[in-house]
Amino acid sequence: MPYLHRRASSRLIRAIGLLIWLASAHESLAQEHVWQILPVRPINFDFALRQQTFAPNDRELTLQAGITAARYGNLEIRTIYQVFSLHSPEFKTDQHSVFVNPRWNNFLDVLDFEGFPVGRTVRHLLFGPLEDRAVPYVGVLGGSVMPGPHNQGPGYLYGGQVGVRFPVARGISLDLGVQYTQYSVDFRGVGGDSQQWLFLTGFRY
């Protein structure tokens, strides 16, 4: 298990480093920016509830909240807390996760070359008349989840995401994204790795 933790940490560090390098290199070619520490906004809060009475009879609850911890131009680093609760007649499990989410906004702009605006063309194909309002982003995730394997401390969590944010009103945006995570968790006394794909939609303030 220590080897898995080292391997996960190494992958996460390389992914974060690559994301920051790409975003910083692109920003250095544009206008000058400065780091903003704890700008807080955008704030995100997501809630999902599923109640099923047959096949199987269970209830799932997910709460997620986060703030922006730092921002530099189109690069932002978010911190997120998530709780997942699953209750059924046979068992119940509650998982708590804390992770950071470095995100590069408007990453398609890096494909715009002089006389050959590939990024602009992709924006037009994907978003049509909303191309100037859309904020496409790519990000990575890394942190920990409790309970960890065999309840011997927190397990690791890492993954990636891609999505788009649409401003819909002053200070409010609609966020649509696809997120993949892999994490090491304890379930009914047995430790193991789990992979998860999520389609997320929510409002950011």
Foldseek 3Di string as FASTA:
>chain_A
DVVVVVVVVVVQVVQVVVVVVLLVVVVVVPDAWDKDAPPFPFKFWDWDWDADCPPNGKIKIKIKIKTWGMDTVQKTKMKMKMWIWMDGPVDIDIKIWIKIKIKGKPSLCVCQDVVRGPSLVVLCVVPPPCSVQKIKMKIKMWTWMPPFAQSPRTKIKIWIKIWIWGDDDVQKIKTWMKIKMKIWYYDPRGIDIDIDIDIDIGMID
